[in-house]
């Protein structure tokens, strides 16, 4: 176990300490109003932590404070880790980005695409082409989530027990078999739709490597990077540091809600959202990406692979708004492209919050977020544990961090 520590004063790192104080006060106000239980925010420049704040409670009922070594459910911040795992196999020649998915998971052979109707009257047709590994990494495969409630295929996912992405009691292999029976929403490579694709990638990693997903992550990513507090479950010695998970109530408060099981190895290993981690560990993961695949003398990926992961991979340099399925055609997706399981700023003049060209990162459903700004050698992480309904933290968080940059 290691704790994240502040290593340098903000001014020495080219950051405005008063602006960072405004950031802290802004987020602390949400805690004081009962909209967040507590939080951790860390801002690093050139690999050195220049701002680290903890505030509020990791467990409100027990009165336990957020601390630097608190453990957090990452949810979708797991996806970039899954992308790194895929690229490790690509670099070894065991997998290609242009491999048809059916080569590794035969259940996905001869995919079919939604062609109208709903329920028992739904019509499908043969897909124009196969799902490729790169389609899964970019969420352009035609898969979806059952909780969208926007498309007839979303409803079919729910009817098949996939409202929360995994049928009750199923493991990863069984879950992915159910995905394979679903029609695609669109032909592979023709739209962007955030989806269960990273769970499919998790199963591909298992099949190609011959290892369970948790074993591959530990052996090839977590242990080499010294991420000893990160995994798909926690041990008894870690349990006291785990933050409670909350949901936002209709009245704007918070209440405890159930989450993915993390006490003991889960049956379902989710490459989409299964990891638990600490601020120290995730700082190391971000730094590995910022440094082009290397950290403390350990090279995980080539700089070319990291560059490919963190560049916009959407056709014609499209944005999430212009290339997205209807559910994603919103102003917050302007100016953002998508790499391999990370969003990428392609036009800072159109983003909802101030950003630098090439900044990449992602968020988690429990209101966690990270981003890497290569131009300013900046990494930022924000940790809390609230599944929101109306709460919006990230645009202001980005704006306030951007305001702190003085050189």
Protein backbone atom coordinates (compact mmCIF):
# COMPACT_ATOMS: atom_id res chain seq x y z
CA UNK A 1 0.00 0.00 0.00
CA UNK A 2 1.28 3.47 -0.92
CA UNK A 3 -0.31 6.88 -0.43
CA UNK A 4 -0.30 9.66 -2.97
CA UNK A 5 1.63 12.64 -1.61
CA UNK A 6 1.99 16.23 -2.75
CA UNK A 7 5.55 16.58 -4.04
CA UNK A 8 5.89 20.21 -5.06
CA UNK A 9 4.22 23.59 -4.44
CA UNK A 10 1.75 24.65 -7.15
CA UNK A 11 3.76 27.75 -8.07
CA UNK A 12 6.90 25.71 -8.67
CA UNK A 13 4.90 23.57 -11.09
CA UNK A 14 3.49 26.52 -13.01
CA UNK A 15 0.08 26.41 -11.32
CA UNK A 16 -1.85 29.16 -9.55
CA UNK A 17 -2.43 28.09 -5.96
CA UNK A 18 -5.31 30.52 -5.51
CA UNK A 19 -7.10 29.08 -8.53
CA UNK A 20 -6.66 25.59 -7.10
CA UNK A 21 -8.11 26.82 -3.81
CA UNK A 22 -11.16 27.98 -5.77
CA UNK A 23 -11.40 24.49 -7.23
CA UNK A 24 -11.37 22.96 -3.76
CA UNK A 25 -14.00 25.36 -2.45
CA UNK A 26 -16.26 24.73 -5.44
CA UNK A 27 -16.29 20.96 -4.98
CA UNK A 28 -16.38 21.18 -1.17
CA UNK A 29 -19.59 23.19 -1.52
CA UNK A 30 -21.24 20.11 -3.06
CA UNK A 31 -20.15 18.09 -0.02
CA UNK A 32 -21.39 20.70 2.40
CA UNK A 33 -24.78 20.73 0.63
CA UNK A 34 -25.03 16.94 0.92
CA UNK A 35 -24.68 16.26 -2.82
CA UNK A 36 -21.33 14.49 -2.48
CA UNK A 37 -20.06 12.42 0.47
CA UNK A 38 -16.46 13.51 -0.04
CA UNK A 39 -13.78 13.66 -2.70
CA UNK A 40 -10.13 13.49 -3.64
CA UNK A 41 -8.63 15.68 -6.36
CA UNK A 42 -5.03 15.55 -7.52
CA UNK A 43 -3.27 17.70 -10.12
CA UNK A 44 0.22 16.78 -11.30
CA UNK A 45 2.65 18.56 -13.58
CA UNK A 46 5.62 16.82 -15.18
CA UNK A 47 4.93 13.75 -13.06
CA UNK A 48 5.03 15.59 -9.72
CA UNK A 49 1.88 16.01 -7.62
CA UNK A 50 1.40 19.75 -7.16
CA UNK A 51 -2.09 19.76 -5.65
CA UNK A 52 -3.75 17.09 -3.53
CA UNK A 53 -6.95 17.64 -1.58
CA UNK A 54 -9.17 15.26 0.36
CA UNK A 55 -12.43 16.47 1.85
CA UNK A 56 -15.54 14.96 3.39
CA UNK A 57 -16.36 11.33 4.14
CA UNK A 58 -15.67 8.05 2.40
CA UNK A 59 -18.44 6.58 4.57
CA UNK A 60 -20.95 9.11 5.84
CA UNK A 61 -22.78 6.87 8.33
CA UNK A 62 -19.54 5.62 9.88
CA UNK A 63 -18.00 9.11 9.90
CA UNK A 64 -14.87 7.89 8.10
CA UNK A 65 -12.93 10.59 6.23
CA UNK A 66 -11.65 10.52 2.68
CA UNK A 67 -7.92 9.88 2.88
CA UNK A 68 -5.13 9.71 0.34
CA UNK A 69 -5.21 5.89 0.43
CA UNK A 70 -9.01 5.53 0.12
CA UNK A 71 -10.07 2.90 -2.42
CA UNK A 72 -12.55 3.79 -5.18
CA UNK A 73 -14.64 1.83 -7.66
CA UNK A 74 -13.38 3.04 -11.02
CA UNK A 75 -16.28 1.78 -13.11
CA UNK A 76 -15.64 2.99 -16.70
CA UNK A 77 -12.16 4.27 -15.88
CA UNK A 78 -11.41 0.53 -16.14
CA UNK A 79 -11.81 0.79 -19.94
CA UNK A 80 -8.46 2.49 -20.68
CA UNK A 81 -6.74 -0.28 -18.71
CA UNK A 82 -8.51 -2.82 -20.93
CA UNK A 83 -7.31 -0.91 -24.00
CA UNK A 84 -3.73 -1.13 -22.75
CA UNK A 85 -4.15 -4.89 -22.26
CA UNK A 86 -5.36 -5.27 -25.85
CA UNK A 87 -2.44 -3.24 -27.18
CA UNK A 88 0.01 -5.44 -25.27
CA UNK A 89 -1.31 -8.43 -27.21
CA UNK A 90 -1.21 -6.46 -30.47
CA UNK A 91 2.45 -5.56 -29.91
CA UNK A 92 3.23 -9.23 -29.33
CA UNK A 93 1.59 -10.19 -32.62
CA UNK A 94 -1.03 -12.34 -30.90
CA UNK A 95 -3.86 -10.03 -31.92
CA UNK A 96 -4.45 -7.50 -34.69
CA UNK A 97 -6.62 -4.40 -34.59
CA UNK A 98 -8.12 -5.58 -37.88
CA UNK A 99 -8.86 -9.12 -36.73
CA UNK A 100 -12.52 -10.04 -37.21
CA UNK A 101 -13.97 -10.63 -33.77
CA UNK A 102 -15.27 -14.04 -34.89
CA UNK A 103 -11.65 -15.25 -35.26
CA UNK A 104 -11.38 -15.24 -31.47
CA UNK A 105 -15.04 -15.48 -30.46
CA UNK A 106 -16.86 -17.63 -33.06
CA UNK A 107 -20.27 -16.74 -31.59
CA UNK A 108 -19.93 -13.35 -33.33
CA UNK A 109 -19.75 -14.88 -36.83
CA UNK A 110 -22.24 -13.58 -39.38
CA UNK A 111 -23.52 -10.62 -37.32
CA UNK A 112 -26.91 -9.17 -38.08
CA UNK A 113 -28.01 -5.53 -37.92
CA UNK A 114 -31.27 -3.93 -36.82
CA UNK A 115 -33.46 -3.16 -39.85
CA UNK A 116 -36.72 -1.91 -38.30
CA UNK A 117 -39.58 -2.86 -36.01
CA UNK A 118 -39.43 -3.73 -32.32
CA UNK A 119 -40.03 -6.62 -29.97
CA UNK A 120 -41.27 -9.75 -31.72
CA UNK A 121 -41.64 -7.72 -34.92
CA UNK A 122 -38.00 -6.62 -35.05
CA UNK A 123 -36.36 -7.11 -38.46
CA UNK A 124 -32.65 -7.67 -39.03
CA UNK A 125 -30.33 -8.04 -42.03
CA UNK A 126 -26.78 -9.31 -42.51
CA UNK A 127 -24.13 -6.79 -41.44
CA UNK A 128 -22.17 -5.11 -44.20
CA UNK A 129 -18.96 -6.44 -42.67
CA UNK A 130 -17.54 -8.13 -39.58
CA UNK A 131 -16.94 -6.54 -36.19
CA UNK A 132 -13.22 -5.82 -35.91
CA UNK A 133 -11.13 -5.48 -32.74
CA UNK A 134 -10.62 -1.77 -33.52
CA UNK A 135 -14.41 -1.31 -33.61
CA UNK A 136 -14.61 -2.58 -30.03
CA UNK A 137 -11.82 -0.25 -28.89
CA UNK A 138 -13.55 2.76 -30.46
CA UNK A 139 -17.17 1.81 -29.57
CA UNK A 140 -18.13 1.70 -33.24
CA UNK A 141 -19.04 -2.01 -33.29
CA UNK A 142 -22.82 -1.53 -33.14
CA UNK A 143 -23.18 -2.85 -29.58
CA UNK A 144 -25.15 -0.89 -26.96
CA UNK A 145 -26.27 -0.70 -23.32
CA UNK A 146 -29.68 -1.83 -22.11
CA UNK A 147 -30.13 1.20 -19.87
CA UNK A 148 -30.29 3.75 -22.72
CA UNK A 149 -34.04 3.32 -23.38
CA UNK A 150 -33.58 4.99 -26.79
CA UNK A 151 -33.56 2.20 -29.40
CA UNK A 152 -35.41 -1.11 -29.93
CA UNK A 153 -32.11 -2.99 -29.58
CA UNK A 154 -31.63 -1.40 -26.13
CA UNK A 155 -34.99 -2.96 -25.18
CA UNK A 156 -33.87 -6.34 -26.50
CA UNK A 157 -30.81 -6.16 -24.25
CA UNK A 158 -33.07 -5.56 -21.26
CA UNK A 159 -35.37 -8.42 -22.23
CA UNK A 160 -32.29 -10.67 -22.36
CA UNK A 161 -31.25 -9.79 -18.79
CA UNK A 162 -28.68 -7.17 -19.83
CA UNK A 163 -30.10 -3.99 -18.32
CA UNK A 164 -27.00 -3.85 -16.12
CA UNK A 165 -24.76 -5.46 -18.77
CA UNK A 166 -24.53 -8.88 -17.13
CA UNK A 167 -27.23 -11.55 -16.69
CA UNK A 168 -27.69 -12.48 -13.01
CA UNK A 169 -25.11 -15.07 -11.96
CA UNK A 170 -23.27 -15.16 -15.29
CA UNK A 171 -19.51 -15.04 -15.76
CA UNK A 172 -17.69 -13.11 -18.48
CA UNK A 173 -17.75 -15.89 -21.07
CA UNK A 174 -21.47 -16.55 -20.54
CA UNK A 175 -22.29 -12.84 -20.68
CA UNK A 176 -20.43 -12.30 -23.94
CA UNK A 177 -22.29 -15.26 -25.49
CA UNK A 178 -25.54 -13.40 -24.75
CA UNK A 179 -24.15 -10.23 -26.38
CA UNK A 180 -23.36 -12.27 -29.48
CA UNK A 181 -27.03 -13.20 -29.88
CA UNK A 182 -28.09 -9.55 -30.00
CA UNK A 183 -28.44 -7.71 -33.32
CA UNK A 184 -26.13 -4.75 -33.87
CA UNK A 185 -27.69 -1.28 -33.88
CA UNK A 186 -25.77 -0.32 -37.02
CA UNK A 187 -23.13 -1.65 -39.40
CA UNK A 188 -19.70 -1.87 -37.74
CA UNK A 189 -17.62 1.28 -38.16
CA UNK A 190 -20.50 3.54 -39.22
CA UNK A 191 -21.47 5.23 -35.90
CA UNK A 192 -20.23 5.73 -32.34
CA UNK A 193 -22.28 4.24 -29.52
CA UNK A 194 -20.87 3.77 -26.02
CA UNK A 195 -21.52 0.16 -25.14
CA UNK A 196 -20.58 -3.18 -23.59
CA UNK A 197 -17.69 -3.47 -26.07
CA UNK A 198 -15.00 -3.47 -23.36
CA UNK A 199 -16.54 -6.55 -21.77
CA UNK A 200 -16.20 -8.26 -25.15
CA UNK A 201 -12.57 -7.12 -25.26
CA UNK A 202 -12.07 -8.58 -21.80
CA UNK A 203 -13.18 -11.96 -23.11
CA UNK A 204 -10.95 -11.61 -26.19
CA UNK A 205 -7.99 -10.97 -23.85
CA UNK A 206 -8.83 -14.15 -21.93
CA UNK A 207 -9.10 -16.28 -25.06
CA UNK A 208 -5.96 -14.93 -26.76
CA UNK A 209 -3.78 -14.94 -23.62
CA UNK A 210 -5.13 -18.15 -22.11
CA UNK A 211 -5.47 -16.37 -18.74
CA UNK A 212 -8.40 -15.07 -16.71
CA UNK A 213 -8.76 -11.32 -17.15
CA UNK A 214 -7.76 -10.51 -13.57
CA UNK A 215 -4.60 -12.62 -13.84
CA UNK A 216 -3.59 -10.96 -17.12
CA UNK A 217 -4.17 -7.47 -15.74
CA UNK A 218 -2.14 -8.22 -12.60
CA UNK A 219 0.75 -9.93 -14.37
CA UNK A 220 1.08 -7.62 -17.36
CA UNK A 221 -0.08 -4.18 -16.15
CA UNK A 222 -0.76 -3.75 -12.43
CA UNK A 223 2.29 -5.47 -10.96
CA UNK A 224 4.81 -3.97 -13.44
CA UNK A 225 3.44 -0.48 -12.68
CA UNK A 226 3.43 -1.03 -8.92
CA UNK A 227 -0.37 -0.68 -8.76
CA UNK A 228 -0.68 -2.95 -5.74
CA UNK A 229 -4.03 -1.55 -4.55
CA UNK A 230 -5.80 -2.13 -7.88
CA UNK A 231 -7.84 -5.17 -8.87
CA UNK A 232 -11.27 -6.65 -9.45
CA UNK A 233 -11.71 -7.30 -5.73
CA UNK A 234 -10.27 -6.22 -2.39
CA UNK A 235 -8.84 -8.29 0.43
CA UNK A 236 -9.84 -8.13 4.11
CA UNK A 237 -6.87 -5.86 4.86
CA UNK A 238 -8.14 -3.33 2.29
CA UNK A 239 -11.84 -3.40 3.20
CA UNK A 240 -11.66 -0.58 5.73
CA UNK A 241 -10.32 1.83 3.10
CA UNK A 242 -13.09 1.24 0.52
CA UNK A 243 -15.39 4.21 -0.04
CA UNK A 244 -19.11 3.61 0.30
CA UNK A 245 -21.07 3.86 -2.96
CA UNK A 246 -23.95 6.36 -3.06
CA UNK A 247 -26.67 7.30 -5.50
CA UNK A 248 -28.20 10.71 -6.02
CA UNK A 249 -31.77 10.93 -4.75
CA UNK A 250 -34.62 12.72 -6.53
CA UNK A 251 -34.26 15.52 -4.00
CA UNK A 252 -30.58 16.05 -4.79
CA UNK A 253 -29.18 14.29 -1.71
CA UNK A 254 -27.35 10.96 -1.57
CA UNK A 255 -28.10 7.51 -0.22
CA UNK A 256 -26.11 4.24 -0.15
CA UNK A 257 -26.73 2.00 -3.18
CA UNK A 258 -25.45 -1.45 -4.12
CA UNK A 259 -22.55 -1.74 -6.54
CA UNK A 260 -20.54 -4.44 -8.24
CA UNK A 261 -19.37 -7.03 -5.68
CA UNK A 262 -15.75 -6.37 -4.74
CA UNK A 263 -15.41 -8.27 -1.46
CA UNK A 264 -13.95 -11.51 -2.80
CA UNK A 265 -13.26 -12.40 -6.43
CA UNK A 266 -16.37 -11.68 -8.53
CA UNK A 267 -17.78 -14.24 -10.91
CA UNK A 268 -18.08 -11.59 -13.61
CA UNK A 269 -14.76 -9.86 -14.43
CA UNK A 270 -15.78 -6.67 -16.19
CA UNK A 271 -13.29 -5.11 -18.58
CA UNK A 272 -15.85 -2.34 -18.89
CA UNK A 273 -16.11 -1.30 -15.25
CA UNK A 274 -14.81 -3.80 -12.71
CA UNK A 275 -11.66 -2.32 -11.17
CA UNK A 276 -11.12 -0.83 -7.72
CA UNK A 277 -8.09 1.45 -7.29
CA UNK A 278 -6.40 4.14 -5.23
CA UNK A 279 -5.27 7.64 -6.19
CA UNK A 280 -1.62 6.56 -5.98
CA UNK A 281 -2.16 3.64 -8.33
CA UNK A 282 -4.18 5.58 -10.86
CA UNK A 283 -1.60 8.38 -10.82
CA UNK A 284 0.95 5.79 -11.92
CA UNK A 285 -1.30 4.57 -14.72
CA UNK A 286 -1.83 8.12 -16.00
CA UNK A 287 1.87 8.85 -15.81
CA UNK A 288 2.67 5.72 -17.83
CA UNK A 289 0.38 7.02 -20.58
CA UNK A 290 1.73 10.60 -20.36
CA UNK A 291 5.28 9.30 -20.67
CA UNK A 292 4.46 7.28 -23.78
CA UNK A 293 4.18 3.81 -22.26
CA UNK A 294 7.06 3.85 -19.76
CA UNK A 295 7.31 4.53 -16.02
CA UNK A 296 10.28 4.25 -13.66
CA UNK A 297 12.30 2.26 -16.18
CA UNK A 298 9.48 -0.19 -16.95
CA UNK A 299 8.24 0.01 -20.53
CA UNK A 300 4.72 -1.37 -20.83
CA UNK A 301 3.87 -0.18 -24.37
CA UNK A 302 5.70 1.52 -27.21
CA UNK A 303 5.23 5.25 -27.63
CA UNK A 304 3.60 4.51 -31.00
CA UNK A 305 0.95 2.33 -29.36
CA UNK A 306 0.15 4.96 -26.73
CA UNK A 307 0.02 7.60 -29.45
CA UNK A 308 -2.44 5.49 -31.42
CA UNK A 309 -4.58 4.88 -28.31
CA UNK A 310 -4.75 8.58 -27.47
CA UNK A 311 -5.43 9.99 -30.98
CA UNK A 312 -8.87 10.42 -32.51
CA UNK A 313 -9.70 7.19 -34.34
CA UNK A 314 -13.12 8.18 -35.65
CA UNK A 315 -13.37 8.33 -39.46
CA UNK A 316 -12.60 11.70 -41.05
CA UNK A 317 -11.63 13.12 -37.64
CA UNK A 318 -15.32 13.08 -36.70
CA UNK A 319 -16.52 14.05 -33.22
CA UNK A 320 -18.60 12.11 -30.73
CA UNK A 321 -21.49 14.44 -31.52
CA UNK A 322 -21.29 14.24 -35.32
CA UNK A 323 -20.56 10.49 -35.48
CA UNK A 324 -22.53 9.44 -32.41
CA UNK A 325 -25.80 7.55 -32.29
CA UNK A 326 -28.75 9.86 -31.44
CA UNK A 327 -28.33 9.35 -27.68
CA UNK A 328 -24.86 10.94 -27.93
CA UNK A 329 -25.68 13.91 -30.18
CA UNK A 330 -25.43 16.51 -27.42
CA UNK A 331 -23.39 19.73 -27.06
CA UNK A 332 -21.08 18.17 -24.46
CA UNK A 333 -19.66 15.92 -27.19
CA UNK A 334 -18.65 18.78 -29.50
CA UNK A 335 -14.93 19.11 -30.09
CA UNK A 336 -14.25 15.59 -28.80
CA UNK A 337 -13.06 12.61 -30.80
CA UNK A 338 -12.40 9.12 -29.50
CA UNK A 339 -9.27 6.99 -29.39
CA UNK A 340 -9.06 3.55 -27.83
CA UNK A 341 -11.34 3.81 -24.78
CA UNK A 342 -10.50 7.48 -24.18
CA UNK A 343 -12.05 10.70 -25.46
CA UNK A 344 -9.67 13.11 -27.21
CA UNK A 345 -9.96 16.89 -27.58
CA UNK A 346 -9.83 17.66 -31.31
CA UNK A 347 -11.17 21.22 -31.30
CA UNK A 348 -10.76 23.18 -28.04
CA UNK A 349 -12.91 26.01 -29.42
CA UNK A 350 -15.96 23.73 -29.37
CA UNK A 351 -15.60 21.82 -26.10
CA UNK A 352 -18.02 22.49 -23.25
CA UNK A 353 -15.16 23.34 -20.89
CA UNK A 354 -11.74 24.86 -21.64
CA UNK A 355 -9.30 22.18 -22.82
CA UNK A 356 -6.02 21.84 -24.69
CA UNK A 357 -5.73 20.16 -28.08
CA UNK A 358 -4.89 16.47 -27.64
CA UNK A 359 -6.09 16.20 -24.04
CA UNK A 360 -7.47 12.71 -23.42
CA UNK A 361 -9.19 10.86 -20.59
CA UNK A 362 -12.42 9.29 -19.42
CA UNK A 363 -14.90 9.15 -16.54
CA UNK A 364 -16.70 6.59 -14.38
CA UNK A 365 -20.37 6.32 -13.51
CA UNK A 366 -19.67 6.99 -9.82
CA UNK A 367 -18.50 10.53 -10.76
CA UNK A 368 -14.82 9.68 -11.10
CA UNK A 369 -12.73 11.30 -13.83
CA UNK A 370 -9.20 11.59 -15.16
CA UNK A 371 -7.48 13.40 -17.97
CA UNK A 372 -4.01 13.83 -19.39
CA UNK A 373 -2.98 17.08 -21.09
CA UNK A 374 0.25 16.26 -22.97
CA UNK A 375 0.87 19.86 -24.05
CA UNK A 376 1.06 21.04 -20.43
CA UNK A 377 2.49 17.77 -19.01
CA UNK A 378 -0.61 17.72 -16.80
CA UNK A 379 -2.52 14.84 -15.25
CA UNK A 380 -5.69 15.25 -13.19
CA UNK A 381 -7.81 12.77 -11.28
CA UNK A 382 -11.03 13.28 -9.36
CA UNK A 383 -12.45 10.59 -7.11
CA UNK A 384 -15.78 10.35 -5.33
CA UNK A 385 -18.51 7.65 -5.25
CA UNK A 386 -21.92 8.97 -6.36
CA UNK A 387 -24.04 7.60 -9.19
CA UNK A 388 -25.62 10.88 -10.39
CA UNK A 389 -29.00 11.83 -11.79
CA UNK A 390 -28.64 15.59 -12.28
CA UNK A 391 -25.28 16.28 -10.59
CA UNK A 392 -22.71 17.67 -13.07
CA UNK A 393 -19.18 18.18 -11.75
CA UNK A 394 -16.84 17.69 -14.69
CA UNK A 395 -17.25 20.87 -16.82
CA UNK A 396 -16.56 23.13 -13.84
CA UNK A 397 -13.74 20.85 -12.68
CA UNK A 398 -12.05 21.15 -16.08
CA UNK A 399 -12.58 24.90 -16.20
CA UNK A 400 -11.13 25.48 -12.75
CA UNK A 401 -8.07 23.31 -13.40
CA UNK A 402 -7.51 25.06 -16.73
CA UNK A 403 -7.66 28.44 -14.98
CA UNK A 404 -4.85 27.30 -12.69
CA UNK A 405 -2.37 26.92 -15.56
CA UNK A 406 -0.03 29.92 -15.59
CA UNK A 407 2.67 28.52 -17.89
